[in-house]
Amino acid sequence: MLSVETHEASPWPDDLDWQARAGEAAAAALALTPYAALADAAPLVEVAIRLTDDDEVQALNRDFRGKDKPTNVLSFPQVQPDLLETMSNSDDGEILLGDIVLARETCVREAAEKGVSVADHATHLIVHGTLHLVGYDHVDDHGAEAMEALEVKALASLGIANPYAVQD
């Protein structure tokens, strides 16, 4: 069973049930991957999402990626990609799939630049982060295209427009 735990380290904009939104976003992303069975697996499969500020994300980005600047989202997978396929039939009781951390100020700024709500932009970033937790990346064009296609499908299932569509 998929469990998404959300912690708001600092107040986030919008009167939104971030716990529910994060759960919907992670489930929508996971459902489109070869690891969809994890959502209904016998062990508890947990994703932890931290909604925080630019300062905390900058420190994490510096400490774990060597980039001393804030970014919109960071993902910290806890399961090696080659072990993901065997997890749905595990009897370990609980599996921490990984952590996703979002930076409020960066998300708010990017949402304004894109002309979308903070909730929709953050939902996109949670979908994006969830895909990273199950091994997707965008280091090359092929990986980026595949990941973007999954993001667009997951967001459409939640009623959110394609974030990659070119605006006139």
N, C-alpha and C. Protein backbone atom coordinates (compact mmCIF):
# COMPACT_ATOMS: atom_id res chain seq x y z
N MET A 1 0.84 -1.17 0.00
CA MET A 1 0.00 0.00 0.00
C MET A 1 0.89 1.24 0.00
N LEU A 2 0.53 2.21 -0.84
CA LEU A 2 1.29 3.45 -0.92
C LEU A 2 0.83 4.41 0.16
N SER A 3 1.79 4.94 0.89
CA SER A 3 1.53 5.95 1.90
C SER A 3 2.43 7.15 1.61
N VAL A 4 1.81 8.32 1.47
CA VAL A 4 2.56 9.54 1.23
C VAL A 4 2.40 10.42 2.46
N GLU A 5 3.50 10.69 3.10
CA GLU A 5 3.51 11.52 4.31
C GLU A 5 4.08 12.88 3.95
N THR A 6 3.34 13.92 4.25
CA THR A 6 3.76 15.27 3.91
C THR A 6 4.00 16.07 5.18
N HIS A 7 5.11 16.80 5.18
CA HIS A 7 5.43 17.67 6.30
C HIS A 7 5.66 19.07 5.77
N GLU A 8 4.88 20.02 6.27
CA GLU A 8 5.04 21.42 5.90
C GLU A 8 5.96 22.07 6.92
N ALA A 9 7.24 22.22 6.55
CA ALA A 9 8.22 22.79 7.47
C ALA A 9 8.00 24.28 7.66
N SER A 10 7.43 24.90 6.68
CA SER A 10 7.08 26.32 6.75
C SER A 10 5.77 26.47 5.99
N PRO A 11 4.98 27.49 6.32
CA PRO A 11 3.68 27.63 5.67
C PRO A 11 3.80 27.77 4.15
N TRP A 12 2.98 27.03 3.46
CA TRP A 12 2.94 27.10 2.00
C TRP A 12 1.70 27.84 1.57
N PRO A 13 1.79 28.52 0.42
CA PRO A 13 0.64 29.30 -0.05
C PRO A 13 -0.52 28.41 -0.46
N ASP A 14 -1.64 29.04 -0.64
CA ASP A 14 -2.89 28.38 -1.04
C ASP A 14 -3.48 27.62 0.13
N ASP A 15 -4.77 27.74 0.26
CA ASP A 15 -5.47 26.95 1.26
C ASP A 15 -5.76 25.61 0.62
N LEU A 16 -4.79 24.74 0.70
CA LEU A 16 -4.86 23.46 0.02
C LEU A 16 -4.51 22.36 1.00
N ASP A 17 -5.16 21.24 0.86
CA ASP A 17 -4.80 20.06 1.64
C ASP A 17 -3.59 19.44 0.95
N TRP A 18 -2.40 19.89 1.34
CA TRP A 18 -1.17 19.45 0.70
C TRP A 18 -0.95 17.95 0.88
N GLN A 19 -1.40 17.39 1.99
CA GLN A 19 -1.26 15.95 2.22
C GLN A 19 -2.03 15.18 1.14
N ALA A 20 -3.27 15.57 0.90
CA ALA A 20 -4.08 14.89 -0.12
C ALA A 20 -3.50 15.11 -1.51
N ARG A 21 -3.12 16.36 -1.80
CA ARG A 21 -2.58 16.66 -3.14
C ARG A 21 -1.30 15.87 -3.40
N ALA A 22 -0.42 15.80 -2.42
CA ALA A 22 0.83 15.06 -2.58
C ALA A 22 0.56 13.58 -2.81
N GLY A 23 -0.39 13.03 -2.08
CA GLY A 23 -0.74 11.62 -2.25
C GLY A 23 -1.27 11.34 -3.64
N GLU A 24 -2.13 12.22 -4.14
CA GLU A 24 -2.68 12.06 -5.49
C GLU A 24 -1.57 12.14 -6.55
N ALA A 25 -0.68 13.09 -6.38
CA ALA A 25 0.40 13.29 -7.35
C ALA A 25 1.35 12.10 -7.39
N ALA A 26 1.76 11.63 -6.22
CA ALA A 26 2.67 10.48 -6.18
C ALA A 26 2.01 9.23 -6.74
N ALA A 27 0.76 9.01 -6.39
CA ALA A 27 0.04 7.83 -6.90
C ALA A 27 -0.13 7.90 -8.41
N ALA A 28 -0.44 9.09 -8.93
CA ALA A 28 -0.63 9.25 -10.38
C ALA A 28 0.67 8.96 -11.13
N ALA A 29 1.78 9.41 -10.60
CA ALA A 29 3.08 9.17 -11.24
C ALA A 29 3.43 7.69 -11.18
N LEU A 30 3.32 7.11 -10.01
CA LEU A 30 3.69 5.70 -9.83
C LEU A 30 2.84 4.79 -10.71
N ALA A 31 1.57 5.12 -10.90
CA ALA A 31 0.65 4.28 -11.69
C ALA A 31 1.09 4.13 -13.13
N LEU A 32 1.88 5.05 -13.65
CA LEU A 32 2.29 5.02 -15.05
C LEU A 32 3.63 4.32 -15.27
N THR A 33 4.21 3.80 -14.22
CA THR A 33 5.53 3.18 -14.31
C THR A 33 5.41 1.67 -14.21
N PRO A 34 6.48 0.96 -14.52
CA PRO A 34 6.47 -0.49 -14.33
C PRO A 34 6.34 -0.91 -12.86
N TYR A 35 6.40 0.06 -11.95
CA TYR A 35 6.34 -0.22 -10.52
C TYR A 35 4.97 0.12 -9.94
N ALA A 36 3.96 0.20 -10.77
CA ALA A 36 2.61 0.55 -10.32
C ALA A 36 2.11 -0.41 -9.24
N ALA A 37 2.54 -1.66 -9.28
CA ALA A 37 2.11 -2.65 -8.29
C ALA A 37 2.52 -2.27 -6.87
N LEU A 38 3.51 -1.40 -6.73
CA LEU A 38 3.93 -0.99 -5.39
C LEU A 38 2.80 -0.28 -4.64
N ALA A 39 1.90 0.37 -5.37
CA ALA A 39 0.80 1.09 -4.72
C ALA A 39 -0.13 0.14 -3.98
N ASP A 40 -0.19 -1.11 -4.42
CA ASP A 40 -1.06 -2.10 -3.78
C ASP A 40 -0.27 -3.23 -3.15
N ALA A 41 1.01 -3.05 -2.97
CA ALA A 41 1.88 -4.09 -2.43
C ALA A 41 1.53 -4.39 -0.97
N ALA A 42 1.87 -5.60 -0.56
CA ALA A 42 1.62 -6.01 0.83
C ALA A 42 2.37 -5.12 1.83
N PRO A 43 3.65 -4.83 1.57
CA PRO A 43 4.31 -3.94 2.52
C PRO A 43 3.83 -2.50 2.33
N LEU A 44 3.96 -1.72 3.36
CA LEU A 44 3.67 -0.29 3.27
C LEU A 44 4.80 0.36 2.49
N VAL A 45 4.48 1.03 1.39
CA VAL A 45 5.47 1.71 0.56
C VAL A 45 5.30 3.20 0.83
N GLU A 46 6.32 3.81 1.41
CA GLU A 46 6.18 5.19 1.86
C GLU A 46 7.03 6.15 1.04
N VAL A 47 6.43 7.29 0.73
CA VAL A 47 7.12 8.43 0.14
C VAL A 47 6.95 9.57 1.13
N ALA A 48 8.06 10.20 1.48
CA ALA A 48 8.02 11.33 2.40
C ALA A 48 8.24 12.61 1.60
N ILE A 49 7.34 13.59 1.78
CA ILE A 49 7.43 14.85 1.06
C ILE A 49 7.54 15.98 2.07
N ARG A 50 8.59 16.77 1.89
CA ARG A 50 8.83 17.91 2.78
C ARG A 50 8.64 19.19 1.99
N LEU A 51 7.73 20.01 2.46
CA LEU A 51 7.48 21.32 1.87
C LEU A 51 8.19 22.32 2.74
N THR A 52 9.24 22.92 2.22
CA THR A 52 10.08 23.79 3.03
C THR A 52 10.42 25.07 2.29
N ASP A 53 11.52 25.68 2.64
CA ASP A 53 11.90 26.95 2.03
C ASP A 53 13.20 26.83 1.24
N ASP A 54 13.55 27.90 0.54
CA ASP A 54 14.75 27.91 -0.28
C ASP A 54 16.02 27.67 0.53
N ASP A 55 16.08 28.20 1.74
CA ASP A 55 17.30 28.05 2.54
C ASP A 55 17.59 26.58 2.83
N GLU A 56 16.57 25.85 3.24
CA GLU A 56 16.79 24.43 3.55
C GLU A 56 17.14 23.65 2.28
N VAL A 57 16.46 23.93 1.19
CA VAL A 57 16.75 23.22 -0.06
C VAL A 57 18.15 23.57 -0.56
N GLN A 58 18.56 24.82 -0.40
CA GLN A 58 19.92 25.20 -0.81
C GLN A 58 20.95 24.41 -0.01
N ALA A 59 20.74 24.27 1.28
CA ALA A 59 21.68 23.51 2.12
C ALA A 59 21.73 22.04 1.68
N LEU A 60 20.57 21.46 1.40
CA LEU A 60 20.53 20.06 0.93
C LEU A 60 21.20 19.93 -0.44
N ASN A 61 20.92 20.86 -1.32
CA ASN A 61 21.49 20.84 -2.66
C ASN A 61 23.02 20.96 -2.59
N ARG A 62 23.50 21.81 -1.71
CA ARG A 62 24.94 21.98 -1.51
C ARG A 62 25.56 20.72 -0.92
N ASP A 63 24.93 20.19 0.13
CA ASP A 63 25.51 19.06 0.85
C ASP A 63 25.46 17.75 0.05
N PHE A 64 24.41 17.55 -0.73
CA PHE A 64 24.25 16.27 -1.42
C PHE A 64 24.56 16.30 -2.90
N ARG A 65 24.54 17.50 -3.51
CA ARG A 65 24.78 17.57 -4.95
C ARG A 65 25.93 18.51 -5.31
N GLY A 66 26.50 19.19 -4.30
CA GLY A 66 27.60 20.10 -4.56
C GLY A 66 27.20 21.36 -5.30
N LYS A 67 25.90 21.71 -5.26
CA LYS A 67 25.40 22.91 -5.94
C LYS A 67 24.85 23.85 -4.87
N ASP A 68 25.57 24.93 -4.62
CA ASP A 68 25.23 25.85 -3.53
C ASP A 68 24.20 26.89 -3.99
N LYS A 69 23.01 26.40 -4.31
CA LYS A 69 21.90 27.27 -4.70
C LYS A 69 20.61 26.51 -4.49
N PRO A 70 19.52 27.24 -4.29
CA PRO A 70 18.24 26.54 -4.15
C PRO A 70 17.80 25.98 -5.51
N THR A 71 16.95 24.99 -5.47
CA THR A 71 16.34 24.43 -6.67
C THR A 71 14.89 24.14 -6.31
N ASN A 72 14.06 23.85 -7.29
CA ASN A 72 12.64 23.68 -7.00
C ASN A 72 12.33 22.38 -6.26
N VAL A 73 12.97 21.29 -6.66
CA VAL A 73 12.67 19.99 -6.04
C VAL A 73 13.94 19.14 -5.99
N LEU A 74 14.07 18.40 -4.92
CA LEU A 74 15.12 17.41 -4.77
C LEU A 74 14.47 16.07 -4.45
N SER A 75 15.03 15.02 -5.01
CA SER A 75 14.55 13.66 -4.73
C SER A 75 15.69 12.84 -4.17
N PHE A 76 15.38 12.05 -3.15
CA PHE A 76 16.37 11.20 -2.52
C PHE A 76 15.85 9.77 -2.49
N PRO A 77 16.11 9.01 -3.56
CA PRO A 77 15.64 7.62 -3.60
C PRO A 77 16.31 6.79 -2.49
N GLN A 78 15.55 5.89 -1.91
CA GLN A 78 16.08 5.03 -0.86
C GLN A 78 16.19 3.56 -1.30
N VAL A 79 15.70 3.26 -2.51
CA VAL A 79 15.75 1.90 -3.03
C VAL A 79 16.52 1.93 -4.35
N GLN A 80 17.49 1.05 -4.47
CA GLN A 80 18.25 0.96 -5.72
C GLN A 80 17.31 0.56 -6.85
N PRO A 81 17.46 1.18 -8.03
CA PRO A 81 16.56 0.87 -9.15
C PRO A 81 16.48 -0.62 -9.49
N ASP A 82 17.59 -1.35 -9.38
CA ASP A 82 17.55 -2.77 -9.73
C ASP A 82 16.80 -3.62 -8.69
N LEU A 83 16.46 -3.05 -7.56
CA LEU A 83 15.71 -3.79 -6.54
C LEU A 83 14.21 -3.47 -6.56
N LEU A 84 13.82 -2.45 -7.30
CA LEU A 84 12.42 -2.01 -7.31
C LEU A 84 11.46 -3.11 -7.75
N GLU A 85 11.85 -3.90 -8.75
CA GLU A 85 10.94 -4.93 -9.28
C GLU A 85 10.60 -5.99 -8.25
N THR A 86 11.47 -6.24 -7.32
CA THR A 86 11.22 -7.29 -6.33
C THR A 86 10.50 -6.78 -5.09
N MET A 87 10.27 -5.49 -5.00
CA MET A 87 9.71 -4.91 -3.79
C MET A 87 8.23 -5.20 -3.57
N SER A 88 7.45 -5.34 -4.64
CA SER A 88 6.00 -5.49 -4.47
C SER A 88 5.61 -6.79 -3.78
N ASN A 89 6.48 -7.78 -3.79
CA ASN A 89 6.16 -9.03 -3.11
C ASN A 89 7.03 -9.24 -1.87
N SER A 90 7.59 -8.17 -1.36
CA SER A 90 8.42 -8.23 -0.17
C SER A 90 7.54 -8.40 1.07
N ASP A 91 8.06 -9.08 2.05
CA ASP A 91 7.32 -9.21 3.31
C ASP A 91 8.02 -8.46 4.44
N ASP A 92 8.76 -7.43 4.06
CA ASP A 92 9.52 -6.65 5.04
C ASP A 92 8.64 -5.74 5.89
N GLY A 93 7.39 -5.56 5.51
CA GLY A 93 6.48 -4.73 6.30
C GLY A 93 6.43 -3.28 5.88
N GLU A 94 7.59 -2.67 5.59
CA GLU A 94 7.60 -1.26 5.23
C GLU A 94 8.80 -0.97 4.33
N ILE A 95 8.55 -0.21 3.29
CA ILE A 95 9.60 0.17 2.36
C ILE A 95 9.56 1.69 2.21
N LEU A 96 10.66 2.35 2.51
CA LEU A 96 10.75 3.78 2.27
C LEU A 96 11.28 3.96 0.86
N LEU A 97 10.39 4.36 -0.06
CA LEU A 97 10.77 4.56 -1.44
C LEU A 97 11.72 5.74 -1.56
N GLY A 98 11.48 6.79 -0.78
CA GLY A 98 12.38 7.93 -0.80
C GLY A 98 11.73 9.21 -0.32
N ASP A 99 12.51 10.28 -0.39
CA ASP A 99 12.10 11.60 0.07
C ASP A 99 12.09 12.58 -1.10
N ILE A 100 11.11 13.48 -1.07
CA ILE A 100 11.01 14.57 -2.04
C ILE A 100 10.94 15.86 -1.23
N VAL A 101 11.73 16.85 -1.63
CA VAL A 101 11.77 18.12 -0.90
C VAL A 101 11.53 19.26 -1.89
N LEU A 102 10.56 20.12 -1.58
CA LEU A 102 10.23 21.26 -2.44
C LEU A 102 10.54 22.57 -1.73
N ALA A 103 11.03 23.54 -2.52
CA ALA A 103 11.40 24.86 -1.99
C ALA A 103 10.31 25.87 -2.32
N ARG A 104 9.69 26.41 -1.30
CA ARG A 104 8.55 27.32 -1.45
C ARG A 104 8.83 28.53 -2.33
N GLU A 105 9.85 29.31 -2.01
CA GLU A 105 10.08 30.55 -2.76
C GLU A 105 10.36 30.27 -4.25
N THR A 106 11.12 29.24 -4.52
CA THR A 106 11.42 28.88 -5.91
C THR A 106 10.15 28.42 -6.61
N CYS A 107 9.34 27.62 -5.94
CA CYS A 107 8.08 27.15 -6.54
C CYS A 107 7.13 28.31 -6.82
N VAL A 108 7.04 29.23 -5.88
CA VAL A 108 6.15 30.39 -6.06
C VAL A 108 6.62 31.24 -7.24
N ARG A 109 7.92 31.50 -7.31
CA ARG A 109 8.47 32.30 -8.40
C ARG A 109 8.25 31.62 -9.75
N GLU A 110 8.56 30.32 -9.83
CA GLU A 110 8.39 29.60 -11.10
C GLU A 110 6.92 29.54 -11.52
N ALA A 111 6.03 29.34 -10.57
CA ALA A 111 4.60 29.30 -10.89
C ALA A 111 4.16 30.63 -11.49
N ALA A 112 4.61 31.73 -10.89
CA ALA A 112 4.26 33.06 -11.41
C ALA A 112 4.82 33.26 -12.82
N GLU A 113 6.07 32.83 -13.03
CA GLU A 113 6.69 32.95 -14.36
C GLU A 113 5.92 32.14 -15.41
N LYS A 114 5.38 30.99 -15.02
CA LYS A 114 4.66 30.12 -15.95
C LYS A 114 3.18 30.48 -16.06
N GLY A 115 2.71 31.34 -15.15
CA GLY A 115 1.31 31.71 -15.16
C GLY A 115 0.39 30.59 -14.71
N VAL A 116 0.87 29.78 -13.76
CA VAL A 116 0.06 28.68 -13.22
C VAL A 116 -0.03 28.84 -11.71
N SER A 117 -0.93 28.12 -11.11
CA SER A 117 -1.06 28.18 -9.65
C SER A 117 0.11 27.48 -8.98
N VAL A 118 0.42 27.89 -7.78
CA VAL A 118 1.47 27.24 -7.01
C VAL A 118 1.11 25.77 -6.78
N ALA A 119 -0.17 25.51 -6.52
CA ALA A 119 -0.61 24.13 -6.29
C ALA A 119 -0.34 23.25 -7.51
N ASP A 120 -0.66 23.75 -8.71
CA ASP A 120 -0.43 22.96 -9.92
C ASP A 120 1.06 22.76 -10.17
N HIS A 121 1.86 23.81 -9.96
CA HIS A 121 3.30 23.68 -10.18
C HIS A 121 3.92 22.71 -9.17
N ALA A 122 3.53 22.83 -7.92
CA ALA A 122 4.05 21.91 -6.91
C ALA A 122 3.62 20.48 -7.19
N THR A 123 2.40 20.30 -7.67
CA THR A 123 1.93 18.96 -8.03
C THR A 123 2.81 18.38 -9.13
N HIS A 124 3.14 19.21 -10.12
CA HIS A 124 4.04 18.76 -11.18
C HIS A 124 5.38 18.33 -10.59
N LEU A 125 5.90 19.11 -9.67
CA LEU A 125 7.20 18.79 -9.08
C LEU A 125 7.15 17.51 -8.24
N ILE A 126 6.03 17.25 -7.60
CA ILE A 126 5.88 16.00 -6.84
C ILE A 126 5.82 14.81 -7.79
N VAL A 127 5.10 14.96 -8.89
CA VAL A 127 5.08 13.90 -9.92
C VAL A 127 6.51 13.67 -10.41
N HIS A 128 7.20 14.74 -10.74
CA HIS A 128 8.58 14.68 -11.23
C HIS A 128 9.48 13.97 -10.20
N GLY A 129 9.36 14.39 -8.95
CA GLY A 129 10.17 13.79 -7.90
C GLY A 129 9.88 12.32 -7.69
N THR A 130 8.62 11.95 -7.78
CA THR A 130 8.23 10.54 -7.63
C THR A 130 8.86 9.69 -8.73
N LEU A 131 8.85 10.20 -9.95
CA LEU A 131 9.48 9.46 -11.05
C LEU A 131 10.98 9.27 -10.80
N HIS A 132 11.63 10.28 -10.23
CA HIS A 132 13.04 10.12 -9.86
C HIS A 132 13.21 9.00 -8.82
N LEU A 133 12.27 8.88 -7.90
CA LEU A 133 12.39 7.85 -6.86
C LEU A 133 12.36 6.44 -7.42
N VAL A 134 11.74 6.28 -8.60
CA VAL A 134 11.69 4.94 -9.20
C VAL A 134 12.61 4.82 -10.41
N GLY A 135 13.64 5.66 -10.45
CA GLY A 135 14.71 5.47 -11.41
C GLY A 135 14.68 6.29 -12.69
N TYR A 136 13.68 7.11 -12.88
CA TYR A 136 13.65 7.94 -14.09
C TYR A 136 14.59 9.13 -13.92
N ASP A 137 15.18 9.57 -15.03
CA ASP A 137 16.01 10.76 -14.98
C ASP A 137 15.92 11.50 -16.30
N HIS A 138 16.57 12.65 -16.36
CA HIS A 138 16.53 13.48 -17.55
C HIS A 138 17.93 13.97 -17.92
N VAL A 139 18.91 13.07 -17.75
CA VAL A 139 20.29 13.45 -18.05
C VAL A 139 20.58 13.45 -19.55
N ASP A 140 19.76 12.76 -20.34
CA ASP A 140 19.92 12.80 -21.79
C ASP A 140 18.56 13.05 -22.42
N ASP A 141 18.55 13.34 -23.72
CA ASP A 141 17.31 13.68 -24.41
C ASP A 141 16.28 12.57 -24.34
N HIS A 142 16.70 11.34 -24.53
CA HIS A 142 15.76 10.21 -24.50
C HIS A 142 15.09 10.09 -23.13
N GLY A 143 15.89 10.15 -22.08
CA GLY A 143 15.35 10.06 -20.72
C GLY A 143 14.44 11.23 -20.39
N ALA A 144 14.82 12.42 -20.84
CA ALA A 144 14.02 13.61 -20.58
C ALA A 144 12.66 13.52 -21.29
N GLU A 145 12.66 13.07 -22.54
CA GLU A 145 11.41 12.94 -23.29
C GLU A 145 10.49 11.90 -22.65
N ALA A 146 11.06 10.78 -22.23
CA ALA A 146 10.25 9.72 -21.60
C ALA A 146 9.67 10.22 -20.28
N MET A 147 10.49 10.90 -19.49
CA MET A 147 10.04 11.40 -18.20
C MET A 147 8.97 12.47 -18.37
N GLU A 148 9.17 13.38 -19.30
CA GLU A 148 8.19 14.44 -19.55
C GLU A 148 6.86 13.86 -20.01
N ALA A 149 6.90 12.83 -20.86
CA ALA A 149 5.66 12.21 -21.34
C ALA A 149 4.87 11.61 -20.17
N LEU A 150 5.56 10.97 -19.25
CA LEU A 150 4.89 10.41 -18.06
C LEU A 150 4.33 11.52 -17.19
N GLU A 151 5.08 12.59 -17.02
CA GLU A 151 4.61 13.72 -16.22
C GLU A 151 3.33 14.30 -16.80
N VAL A 152 3.31 14.50 -18.12
CA VAL A 152 2.14 15.07 -18.78
C VAL A 152 0.92 14.16 -18.58
N LYS A 153 1.11 12.84 -18.71
CA LYS A 153 -0.01 11.89 -18.52
C LYS A 153 -0.50 11.90 -17.08
N ALA A 154 0.42 11.89 -16.14
CA ALA A 154 0.04 11.88 -14.73
C ALA A 154 -0.72 13.16 -14.38
N LEU A 155 -0.22 14.29 -14.84
CA LEU A 155 -0.88 15.57 -14.55
C LEU A 155 -2.25 15.64 -15.21
N ALA A 156 -2.37 15.13 -16.44
CA ALA A 156 -3.67 15.12 -17.12
C ALA A 156 -4.68 14.31 -16.32
N SER A 157 -4.23 13.22 -15.72
CA SER A 157 -5.14 12.40 -14.91
C SER A 157 -5.63 13.14 -13.68
N LEU A 158 -4.92 14.19 -13.30
CA LEU A 158 -5.30 15.03 -12.15
C LEU A 158 -5.98 16.33 -12.59
N GLY A 159 -6.21 16.47 -13.90
CA GLY A 159 -6.86 17.67 -14.42
C GLY A 159 -5.95 18.88 -14.52
N ILE A 160 -4.64 18.63 -14.63
CA ILE A 160 -3.67 19.73 -14.73
C ILE A 160 -3.10 19.75 -16.14
N ALA A 161 -3.03 20.94 -16.70
CA ALA A 161 -2.56 21.13 -18.08
C ALA A 161 -1.09 20.74 -18.24
N ASN A 162 -0.72 20.44 -19.46
CA ASN A 162 0.64 20.10 -19.84
C ASN A 162 1.58 21.26 -19.49
N PRO A 163 2.52 21.05 -18.58
CA PRO A 163 3.41 22.14 -18.19
C PRO A 163 4.48 22.43 -19.24
N TYR A 164 4.60 21.55 -20.24
CA TYR A 164 5.62 21.74 -21.28
C TYR A 164 5.04 22.32 -22.56
N ALA A 165 3.73 22.55 -22.59
CA ALA A 165 3.10 23.12 -23.78
C ALA A 165 3.63 24.54 -23.99
N VAL A 166 3.92 24.85 -25.22
CA VAL A 166 4.43 26.18 -25.55
C VAL A 166 3.26 27.16 -25.54
N GLN A 167 3.44 28.23 -24.79
CA GLN A 167 2.42 29.27 -24.69
C GLN A 167 2.69 30.35 -25.73
N ASP A 168 1.65 30.78 -26.42
CA ASP A 168 1.81 31.87 -27.41
C ASP A 168 1.71 33.21 -26.75
